[in-house]
Amino acid sequence: MPGPVLAASLPASVVIGLMTFAVLVAVFGHLTQVRGLVVSGILLLVVATGAMMLGGLGAWKDTPGPVGDPLRGDDRQLPPDQTYRESRQQPIP
């Protein structure tokens, strides 16, 4: 699954810059009434949105599990094969 890893390595500023450029191209196309510029701007915006979603997915997959809250006394670590929901169903010893 190399797609999300590649997109996750993209900085957010690049994606925001591409989105800004796409909106400017689309607005300029509307102002000059050039249909090709409008379509190009919208397509660039769709590509930037897809890259943003893949980057978010890659960052989400790379994050560790939830951190316990020491103020509530829940500072235990989850076993590697246990999900957060499963851990919440078991009583805290």
PDB file of N, CA and C in Angstrom:
ATOM      1  N   MET A   1       0.824  -1.176   0.000  1.00  0.00           N
ATOM      2  CA  MET A   1       0.000   0.000   0.000  1.00  0.00           C
ATOM      3  C   MET A   1       0.878   1.253   0.000  1.00  0.00           C
ATOM      4  N   PRO A   2       1.649   1.491  -1.049  1.00  0.00           N
ATOM      5  CA  PRO A   2       2.571   2.616  -1.076  1.00  0.00           C
ATOM      6  C   PRO A   2       1.895   3.971  -1.262  1.00  0.00           C
ATOM      7  N   GLY A   3       0.646   4.024  -1.696  1.00  0.00           N
ATOM      8  CA  GLY A   3      -0.030   5.293  -1.934  1.00  0.00           C
ATOM      9  C   GLY A   3      -0.117   6.183  -0.705  1.00  0.00           C
ATOM     10  N   PRO A   4      -0.733   5.708   0.388  1.00  0.00           N
ATOM     11  CA  PRO A   4      -0.863   6.569   1.562  1.00  0.00           C
ATOM     12  C   PRO A   4       0.474   6.949   2.185  1.00  0.00           C
ATOM     13  N   VAL A   5       1.455   6.057   2.119  1.00  0.00           N
ATOM     14  CA  VAL A   5       2.763   6.386   2.694  1.00  0.00           C
ATOM     15  C   VAL A   5       3.402   7.514   1.907  1.00  0.00           C
ATOM     16  N   LEU A   6       3.295   7.475   0.590  1.00  0.00           N
ATOM     17  CA  LEU A   6       3.849   8.525  -0.251  1.00  0.00           C
ATOM     18  C   LEU A   6       3.128   9.850  -0.004  1.00  0.00           C
ATOM     19  N   ALA A   7       1.795   9.799   0.096  1.00  0.00           N
ATOM     20  CA  ALA A   7       1.037  11.027   0.331  1.00  0.00           C
ATOM     21  C   ALA A   7       1.264  11.553   1.741  1.00  0.00           C
ATOM     22  N   ALA A   8       1.524  10.667   2.694  1.00  0.00           N
ATOM     23  CA  ALA A   8       1.750  11.116   4.061  1.00  0.00           C
ATOM     24  C   ALA A   8       3.075  11.850   4.185  1.00  0.00           C
ATOM     25  N   SER A   9       4.011  11.578   3.274  1.00  0.00           N
ATOM     26  CA  SER A   9       5.295  12.266   3.333  1.00  0.00           C
ATOM     27  C   SER A   9       5.211  13.677   2.743  1.00  0.00           C
ATOM     28  N   LEU A  10       4.097  14.020   2.108  1.00  0.00           N
ATOM     29  CA  LEU A  10       3.893  15.356   1.566  1.00  0.00           C
ATOM     30  C   LEU A  10       3.557  16.323   2.693  1.00  0.00           C
ATOM     31  N   PRO A  11       4.246  17.443   2.789  1.00  0.00           N
ATOM     32  CA  PRO A  11       3.885  18.420   3.826  1.00  0.00           C
ATOM     33  C   PRO A  11       2.514  19.040   3.545  1.00  0.00           C
ATOM     34  N   ALA A  12       1.845  19.443   4.584  1.00  0.00           N
ATOM     35  CA  ALA A  12       0.516  20.042   4.432  1.00  0.00           C
ATOM     36  C   ALA A  12       0.589  21.347   3.651  1.00  0.00           C
ATOM     37  N   SER A  13       1.695  22.069   3.768  1.00  0.00           N
ATOM     38  CA  SER A  13       1.812  23.346   3.065  1.00  0.00           C
ATOM     39  C   SER A  13       1.800  23.159   1.545  1.00  0.00           C
ATOM     40  N   VAL A  14       2.318  22.031   1.071  1.00  0.00           N
ATOM     41  CA  VAL A  14       2.299  21.760  -0.375  1.00  0.00           C
ATOM     42  C   VAL A  14       0.871  21.537  -0.844  1.00  0.00           C
ATOM     43  N   VAL A  15       0.100  20.778  -0.076  1.00  0.00           N
ATOM     44  CA  VAL A  15      -1.292  20.507  -0.442  1.00  0.00           C
ATOM     45  C   VAL A  15      -2.109  21.795  -0.398  1.00  0.00           C
ATOM     46  N   ILE A  16      -1.894  22.610   0.633  1.00  0.00           N
ATOM     47  CA  ILE A  16      -2.624  23.876   0.742  1.00  0.00           C
ATOM     48  C   ILE A  16      -2.228  24.808  -0.402  1.00  0.00           C
ATOM     49  N   GLY A  17      -0.950  24.816  -0.748  1.00  0.00           N
ATOM     50  CA  GLY A  17      -0.501  25.623  -1.883  1.00  0.00           C
ATOM     51  C   GLY A  17      -1.134  25.175  -3.186  1.00  0.00           C
ATOM     52  N   LEU A  18      -1.229  23.860  -3.386  1.00  0.00           N
ATOM     53  CA  LEU A  18      -1.865  23.341  -4.605  1.00  0.00           C
ATOM     54  C   LEU A  18      -3.349  23.697  -4.629  1.00  0.00           C
ATOM     55  N   MET A  19      -3.998  23.622  -3.485  1.00  0.00           N
ATOM     56  CA  MET A  19      -5.419  24.004  -3.426  1.00  0.00           C
ATOM     57  C   MET A  19      -5.602  25.487  -3.736  1.00  0.00           C
ATOM     58  N   THR A  20      -4.739  26.312  -3.181  1.00  0.00           N
ATOM     59  CA  THR A  20      -4.829  27.750  -3.433  1.00  0.00           C
ATOM     60  C   THR A  20      -4.600  28.055  -4.911  1.00  0.00           C
ATOM     61  N   PHE A  21      -3.595  27.424  -5.488  1.00  0.00           N
ATOM     62  CA  PHE A  21      -3.318  27.610  -6.912  1.00  0.00           C
ATOM     63  C   PHE A  21      -4.503  27.160  -7.761  1.00  0.00           C
ATOM     64  N   ALA A  22      -5.123  26.035  -7.394  1.00  0.00           N
ATOM     65  CA  ALA A  22      -6.261  25.515  -8.151  1.00  0.00           C
ATOM     66  C   ALA A  22      -7.447  26.474  -8.100  1.00  0.00           C
ATOM     67  N   VAL A  23      -7.706  27.032  -6.920  1.00  0.00           N
ATOM     68  CA  VAL A  23      -8.816  27.982  -6.804  1.00  0.00           C
ATOM     69  C   VAL A  23      -8.522  29.237  -7.621  1.00  0.00           C
ATOM     70  N   LEU A  24      -7.287  29.704  -7.576  1.00  0.00           N
ATOM     71  CA  LEU A  24      -6.931  30.900  -8.356  1.00  0.00           C
ATOM     72  C   LEU A  24      -7.065  30.641  -9.854  1.00  0.00           C
ATOM     73  N   VAL A  25      -6.655  29.457 -10.307  1.00  0.00           N
ATOM     74  CA  VAL A  25      -6.789  29.122 -11.730  1.00  0.00           C
ATOM     75  C   VAL A  25      -8.261  29.069 -12.118  1.00  0.00           C
ATOM     76  N   ALA A  26      -9.090  28.452 -11.272  1.00  0.00           N
ATOM     77  CA  ALA A  26     -10.517  28.355 -11.584  1.00  0.00           C
ATOM     78  C   ALA A  26     -11.179  29.731 -11.593  1.00  0.00           C
ATOM     79  N   VAL A  27     -10.840  30.578 -10.626  1.00  0.00           N
ATOM     80  CA  VAL A  27     -11.421  31.929 -10.584  1.00  0.00           C
ATOM     81  C   VAL A  27     -10.952  32.740 -11.794  1.00  0.00           C
ATOM     82  N   PHE A  28      -9.671  32.636 -12.125  1.00  0.00           N
ATOM     83  CA  PHE A  28      -9.162  33.339 -13.308  1.00  0.00           C
ATOM     84  C   PHE A  28      -9.858  32.834 -14.568  1.00  0.00           C
ATOM     85  N   GLY A  29     -10.105  31.552 -14.644  1.00  0.00           N
ATOM     86  CA  GLY A  29     -10.836  31.000 -15.787  1.00  0.00           C
ATOM     87  C   GLY A  29     -12.252  31.532 -15.877  1.00  0.00           C
ATOM     88  N   HIS A  30     -12.901  31.691 -14.713  1.00  0.00           N
ATOM     89  CA  HIS A  30     -14.245  32.272 -14.720  1.00  0.00           C
ATOM     90  C   HIS A  30     -14.208  33.731 -15.167  1.00  0.00           C
ATOM     91  N   LEU A  31     -13.227  34.475 -14.672  1.00  0.00           N
ATOM     92  CA  LEU A  31     -13.148  35.891 -15.022  1.00  0.00           C
ATOM     93  C   LEU A  31     -12.851  36.099 -16.506  1.00  0.00           C
ATOM     94  N   THR A  32     -12.006  35.245 -17.082  1.00  0.00           N
ATOM     95  CA  THR A  32     -11.661  35.368 -18.500  1.00  0.00           C
ATOM     96  C   THR A  32     -12.589  34.554 -19.395  1.00  0.00           C
ATOM     97  N   GLN A  33     -13.492  33.811 -18.797  1.00  0.00           N
ATOM     98  CA  GLN A  33     -14.461  32.965 -19.509  1.00  0.00           C
ATOM     99  C   GLN A  33     -13.775  31.936 -20.412  1.00  0.00           C
ATOM    100  N   VAL A  34     -12.690  31.360 -19.893  1.00  0.00           N
ATOM    101  CA  VAL A  34     -11.985  30.291 -20.604  1.00  0.00           C
ATOM    102  C   VAL A  34     -12.334  28.985 -19.900  1.00  0.00           C
ATOM    103  N   ARG A  35     -13.111  28.187 -20.585  1.00  0.00           N
ATOM    104  CA  ARG A  35     -13.619  26.953 -19.977  1.00  0.00           C
ATOM    105  C   ARG A  35     -12.491  25.998 -19.600  1.00  0.00           C
ATOM    106  N   GLY A  36     -11.430  25.943 -20.369  1.00  0.00           N
ATOM    107  CA  GLY A  36     -10.307  25.047 -20.078  1.00  0.00           C
ATOM    108  C   GLY A  36      -9.630  25.380 -18.748  1.00  0.00           C
ATOM    109  N   LEU A  37      -9.505  26.677 -18.442  1.00  0.00           N
ATOM    110  CA  LEU A  37      -8.906  27.071 -17.171  1.00  0.00           C
ATOM    111  C   LEU A  37      -9.808  26.710 -15.997  1.00  0.00           C
ATOM    112  N   VAL A  38     -11.108  26.867 -16.173  1.00  0.00           N
ATOM    113  CA  VAL A  38     -12.043  26.504 -15.109  1.00  0.00           C
ATOM    114  C   VAL A  38     -11.962  25.006 -14.830  1.00  0.00           C
ATOM    115  N   VAL A  39     -11.992  24.213 -15.879  1.00  0.00           N
ATOM    116  CA  VAL A  39     -11.923  22.758 -15.722  1.00  0.00           C
ATOM    117  C   VAL A  39     -10.582  22.344 -15.121  1.00  0.00           C
ATOM    118  N   SER A  40      -9.501  22.966 -15.567  1.00  0.00           N
ATOM    119  CA  SER A  40      -8.180  22.641 -15.015  1.00  0.00           C
ATOM    120  C   SER A  40      -8.105  22.978 -13.529  1.00  0.00           C
ATOM    121  N   GLY A  41      -8.648  24.126 -13.148  1.00  0.00           N
ATOM    122  CA  GLY A  41      -8.642  24.509 -11.745  1.00  0.00           C
ATOM    123  C   GLY A  41      -9.448  23.555 -10.889  1.00  0.00           C
ATOM    124  N   ILE A  42     -10.598  23.151 -11.374  1.00  0.00           N
ATOM    125  CA  ILE A  42     -11.440  22.215 -10.608  1.00  0.00           C
ATOM    126  C   ILE A  42     -10.771  20.847 -10.516  1.00  0.00           C
ATOM    127  N   LEU A  43     -10.148  20.389 -11.595  1.00  0.00           N
ATOM    128  CA  LEU A  43      -9.458  19.092 -11.552  1.00  0.00           C
ATOM    129  C   LEU A  43      -8.267  19.138 -10.597  1.00  0.00           C
ATOM    130  N   LEU A  44      -7.524  20.241 -10.608  1.00  0.00           N
ATOM    131  CA  LEU A  44      -6.415  20.387  -9.657  1.00  0.00           C
ATOM    132  C   LEU A  44      -6.926  20.395  -8.219  1.00  0.00           C
ATOM    133  N   LEU A  45      -8.067  21.003  -7.999  1.00  0.00           N
ATOM    134  CA  LEU A  45      -8.650  21.026  -6.665  1.00  0.00           C
ATOM    135  C   LEU A  45      -9.062  19.625  -6.222  1.00  0.00           C
ATOM    136  N   VAL A  46      -9.588  18.833  -7.132  1.00  0.00           N
ATOM    137  CA  VAL A  46      -9.953  17.445  -6.812  1.00  0.00           C
ATOM    138  C   VAL A  46      -8.699  16.622  -6.504  1.00  0.00           C
ATOM    139  N   VAL A  47      -7.637  16.818  -7.268  1.00  0.00           N
ATOM    140  CA  VAL A  47      -6.384  16.095  -7.018  1.00  0.00           C
ATOM    141  C   VAL A  47      -5.793  16.492  -5.668  1.00  0.00           C
ATOM    142  N   ALA A  48      -5.811  17.783  -5.351  1.00  0.00           N
ATOM    143  CA  ALA A  48      -5.283  18.234  -4.065  1.00  0.00           C
ATOM    144  C   ALA A  48      -6.115  17.696  -2.905  1.00  0.00           C
ATOM    145  N   THR A  49      -7.426  17.643  -3.073  1.00  0.00           N
ATOM    146  CA  THR A  49      -8.281  17.091  -2.028  1.00  0.00           C
ATOM    147  C   THR A  49      -8.000  15.610  -1.828  1.00  0.00           C
ATOM    148  N   GLY A  50      -7.812  14.877  -2.911  1.00  0.00           N
ATOM    149  CA  GLY A  50      -7.460  13.459  -2.794  1.00  0.00           C
ATOM    150  C   GLY A  50      -6.125  13.261  -2.101  1.00  0.00           C
ATOM    151  N   ALA A  51      -5.142  14.110  -2.430  1.00  0.00           N
ATOM    152  CA  ALA A  51      -3.841  14.013  -1.763  1.00  0.00           C
ATOM    153  C   ALA A  51      -3.964  14.328  -0.279  1.00  0.00           C
ATOM    154  N   MET A  52      -4.831  15.282   0.057  1.00  0.00           N
ATOM    155  CA  MET A  52      -5.038  15.625   1.461  1.00  0.00           C
ATOM    156  C   MET A  52      -5.669  14.442   2.202  1.00  0.00           C
ATOM    157  N   MET A  53      -6.622  13.778   1.581  1.00  0.00           N
ATOM    158  CA  MET A  53      -7.272  12.633   2.219  1.00  0.00           C
ATOM    159  C   MET A  53      -6.306  11.462   2.372  1.00  0.00           C
ATOM    160  N   LEU A  54      -5.499  11.202   1.357  1.00  0.00           N
ATOM    161  CA  LEU A  54      -4.514  10.122   1.461  1.00  0.00           C
ATOM    162  C   LEU A  54      -3.450  10.438   2.506  1.00  0.00           C
ATOM    163  N   GLY A  55      -3.058  11.696   2.584  1.00  0.00           N
ATOM    164  CA  GLY A  55      -2.101  12.105   3.613  1.00  0.00           C
ATOM    165  C   GLY A  55      -2.668  11.933   5.006  1.00  0.00           C
ATOM    166  N   GLY A  56      -3.940  12.275   5.177  1.00  0.00           N
ATOM    167  CA  GLY A  56      -4.592  12.084   6.465  1.00  0.00           C
ATOM    168  C   GLY A  56      -4.709  10.618   6.820  1.00  0.00           C
ATOM    169  N   LEU A  57      -5.030   9.796   5.830  1.00  0.00           N
ATOM    170  CA  LEU A  57      -5.122   8.357   6.072  1.00  0.00           C
ATOM    171  C   LEU A  57      -3.764   7.790   6.451  1.00  0.00           C
ATOM    172  N   GLY A  58      -2.713   8.215   5.766  1.00  0.00           N
ATOM    173  CA  GLY A  58      -1.375   7.729   6.087  1.00  0.00           C
ATOM    174  C   GLY A  58      -0.928   8.177   7.464  1.00  0.00           C
ATOM    175  N   ALA A  59      -1.247   9.425   7.821  1.00  0.00           N
ATOM    176  CA  ALA A  59      -0.886   9.911   9.152  1.00  0.00           C
ATOM    177  C   ALA A  59      -1.687   9.202  10.230  1.00  0.00           C
ATOM    178  N   TRP A  60      -2.951   8.897   9.946  1.00  0.00           N
ATOM    179  CA  TRP A  60      -3.801   8.210  10.911  1.00  0.00           C
ATOM    180  C   TRP A  60      -3.304   6.783  11.158  1.00  0.00           C
ATOM    181  N   LYS A  61      -2.857   6.114  10.098  1.00  0.00           N
ATOM    182  CA  LYS A  61      -2.363   4.745  10.252  1.00  0.00           C
ATOM    183  C   LYS A  61      -1.032   4.698  10.987  1.00  0.00           C
ATOM    184  N   ASP A  62      -0.260   5.767  10.929  1.00  0.00           N
ATOM    185  CA  ASP A  62       1.046   5.802  11.586  1.00  0.00           C
ATOM    186  C   ASP A  62       0.975   6.191  13.055  1.00  0.00           C
ATOM    187  N   THR A  63      -0.192   6.655  13.524  1.00  0.00           N
ATOM    188  CA  THR A  63      -0.284   7.097  14.911  1.00  0.00           C
ATOM    189  C   THR A  63      -0.416   5.899  15.841  1.00  0.00           C
ATOM    190  N   PRO A  64       0.150   5.991  17.025  1.00  0.00           N
ATOM    191  CA  PRO A  64      -0.008   4.902  17.985  1.00  0.00           C
ATOM    192  C   PRO A  64      -1.417   4.903  18.565  1.00  0.00           C
ATOM    193  N   GLY A  65      -1.714   3.906  19.364  1.00  0.00           N
ATOM    194  CA  GLY A  65      -3.020   3.802  19.990  1.00  0.00           C
ATOM    195  C   GLY A  65      -3.253   4.920  20.986  1.00  0.00           C
ATOM    196  N   PRO A  66      -4.418   4.928  21.588  1.00  0.00           N
ATOM    197  CA  PRO A  66      -4.734   6.005  22.526  1.00  0.00           C
ATOM    198  C   PRO A  66      -3.835   5.963  23.752  1.00  0.00           C
ATOM    199  N   VAL A  67      -3.536   7.122  24.254  1.00  0.00           N
ATOM    200  CA  VAL A  67      -2.688   7.249  25.435  1.00  0.00           C
ATOM    201  C   VAL A  67      -3.592   7.286  26.657  1.00  0.00           C
ATOM    202  N   GLY A  68      -3.205   6.575  27.689  1.00  0.00           N
ATOM    203  CA  GLY A  68      -3.999   6.567  28.903  1.00  0.00           C
ATOM    204  C   GLY A  68      -4.004   7.930  29.577  1.00  0.00           C
ATOM    205  N   ASP A  69      -5.048   8.196  30.336  1.00  0.00           N
ATOM    206  CA  ASP A  69      -5.181   9.465  31.042  1.00  0.00           C
ATOM    207  C   ASP A  69      -4.754   9.257  32.489  1.00  0.00           C
ATOM    208  N   PRO A  70      -3.591   9.782  32.889  1.00  0.00           N
ATOM    209  CA  PRO A  70      -3.121   9.546  34.256  1.00  0.00           C
ATOM    210  C   PRO A  70      -4.009  10.216  35.313  1.00  0.00           C
ATOM    211  N   LEU A  71      -4.770  11.237  34.935  1.00  0.00           N
ATOM    212  CA  LEU A  71      -5.650  11.888  35.897  1.00  0.00           C
ATOM    213  C   LEU A  71      -6.825  10.994  36.285  1.00  0.00           C
ATOM    214  N   ARG A  72      -7.206  10.101  35.382  1.00  0.00           N
ATOM    215  CA  ARG A  72      -8.289   9.168  35.674  1.00  0.00           C
ATOM    216  C   ARG A  72      -7.760   7.826  36.164  1.00  0.00           C
ATOM    217  N   GLY A  73      -6.459   7.704  36.265  1.00  0.00           N
ATOM    218  CA  GLY A  73      -5.873   6.441  36.704  1.00  0.00           C
ATOM    219  C   GLY A  73      -5.812   5.392  35.608  1.00  0.00           C
ATOM    220  N   ASP A  74      -6.007   5.798  34.371  1.00  0.00           N
ATOM    221  CA  ASP A  74      -6.011   4.859  33.242  1.00  0.00           C
ATOM    222  C   ASP A  74      -4.682   4.983  32.500  1.00  0.00           C
ATOM    223  N   ASP A  75      -3.591   4.571  33.121  1.00  0.00           N
ATOM    224  CA  ASP A  75      -2.275   4.719  32.506  1.00  0.00           C
ATOM    225  C   ASP A  75      -1.712   3.393  32.005  1.00  0.00           C
ATOM    226  N   ARG A  76      -2.566   2.408  31.799  1.00  0.00           N
ATOM    227  CA  ARG A  76      -2.085   1.111  31.327  1.00  0.00           C
ATOM    228  C   ARG A  76      -1.887   1.155  29.812  1.00  0.00           C
ATOM    229  N   GLN A  77      -1.091   0.260  29.310  1.00  0.00           N
ATOM    230  CA  GLN A  77      -0.829   0.168  27.883  1.00  0.00           C
ATOM    231  C   GLN A  77      -1.680  -0.949  27.287  1.00  0.00           C
ATOM    232  N   LEU A  78      -2.120  -0.752  26.049  1.00  0.00           N
ATOM    233  CA  LEU A  78      -2.903  -1.790  25.381  1.00  0.00           C
ATOM    234  C   LEU A  78      -1.967  -2.871  24.852  1.00  0.00           C
ATOM    235  N   PRO A  79      -2.391  -4.137  24.953  1.00  0.00           N
ATOM    236  CA  PRO A  79      -1.623  -5.198  24.291  1.00  0.00           C
ATOM    237  C   PRO A  79      -1.643  -4.978  22.781  1.00  0.00           C
ATOM    238  N   PRO A  80      -0.661  -5.489  22.056  1.00  0.00           N
ATOM    239  CA  PRO A  80      -0.582  -5.218  20.612  1.00  0.00           C
ATOM    240  C   PRO A  80      -1.776  -5.749  19.826  1.00  0.00           C
ATOM    241  N   ASP A  81      -2.457  -6.774  20.324  1.00  0.00           N
ATOM    242  CA  ASP A  81      -3.567  -7.355  19.564  1.00  0.00           C
ATOM    243  C   ASP A  81      -4.926  -6.915  20.106  1.00  0.00           C
ATOM    244  N   GLN A  82      -4.982  -5.872  20.890  1.00  0.00           N
ATOM    245  CA  GLN A  82      -6.236  -5.434  21.485  1.00  0.00           C
ATOM    246  C   GLN A  82      -6.578  -4.031  20.987  1.00  0.00           C
ATOM    247  N   THR A  83      -7.835  -3.841  20.595  1.00  0.00           N
ATOM    248  CA  THR A  83      -8.272  -2.530  20.138  1.00  0.00           C
ATOM    249  C   THR A  83      -8.727  -1.701  21.330  1.00  0.00           C
ATOM    250  N   TYR A  84      -8.930  -0.426  21.077  1.00  0.00           N
ATOM    251  CA  TYR A  84      -9.349   0.482  22.141  1.00  0.00           C
ATOM    252  C   TYR A  84     -10.738   0.099  22.659  1.00  0.00           C
ATOM    253  N   ARG A  85     -11.644  -0.264  21.742  1.00  0.00           N
ATOM    254  CA  ARG A  85     -13.004  -0.643  22.152  1.00  0.00           C
ATOM    255  C   ARG A  85     -12.984  -1.883  23.033  1.00  0.00           C
ATOM    256  N   GLU A  86     -12.162  -2.863  22.658  1.00  0.00           N
ATOM    257  CA  GLU A  86     -12.066  -4.078  23.482  1.00  0.00           C
ATOM    258  C   GLU A  86     -11.511  -3.759  24.858  1.00  0.00           C
ATOM    259  N   SER A  87     -10.563  -2.832  24.936  1.00  0.00           N
ATOM    260  CA  SER A  87      -9.986  -2.501  26.229  1.00  0.00           C
ATOM    261  C   SER A  87     -10.989  -1.777  27.111  1.00  0.00           C
ATOM    262  N   ARG A  88     -11.898  -1.008  26.531  1.00  0.00           N
ATOM    263  CA  ARG A  88     -12.885  -0.277  27.320  1.00  0.00           C
ATOM    264  C   ARG A  88     -13.967  -1.218  27.866  1.00  0.00           C
ATOM    265  N   GLN A  89     -14.147  -2.385  27.250  1.00  0.00           N
ATOM    266  CA  GLN A  89     -15.165  -3.323  27.707  1.00  0.00           C
ATOM    267  C   GLN A  89     -14.671  -4.144  28.893  1.00  0.00           C
ATOM    268  N   GLN A  90     -13.373  -4.167  29.121  1.00  0.00           N
ATOM    269  CA  GLN A  90     -12.824  -4.916  30.240  1.00  0.00           C
ATOM    270  C   GLN A  90     -12.661  -4.000  31.436  1.00  0.00           C
ATOM    271  N   PRO A  91     -12.952  -4.475  32.629  1.00  0.00           N
ATOM    272  CA  PRO A  91     -12.780  -3.617  33.799  1.00  0.00           C
ATOM    273  C   PRO A  91     -11.287  -3.360  34.073  1.00  0.00           C
ATOM    274  N   ILE A  92     -11.024  -2.189  34.607  1.00  0.00           N
ATOM    275  CA  ILE A  92      -9.654  -1.813  34.962  1.00  0.00           C
ATOM    276  C   ILE A  92      -9.300  -2.482  36.288  1.00  0.00           C
ATOM    277  N   PRO A  93      -8.174  -3.199  36.336  1.00  0.00           N
ATOM    278  CA  PRO A  93      -7.833  -3.898  37.594  1.00  0.00           C
ATOM    279  C   PRO A  93      -7.403  -2.936  38.690  1.00  0.00           C
TER     280      PRO A  93
END
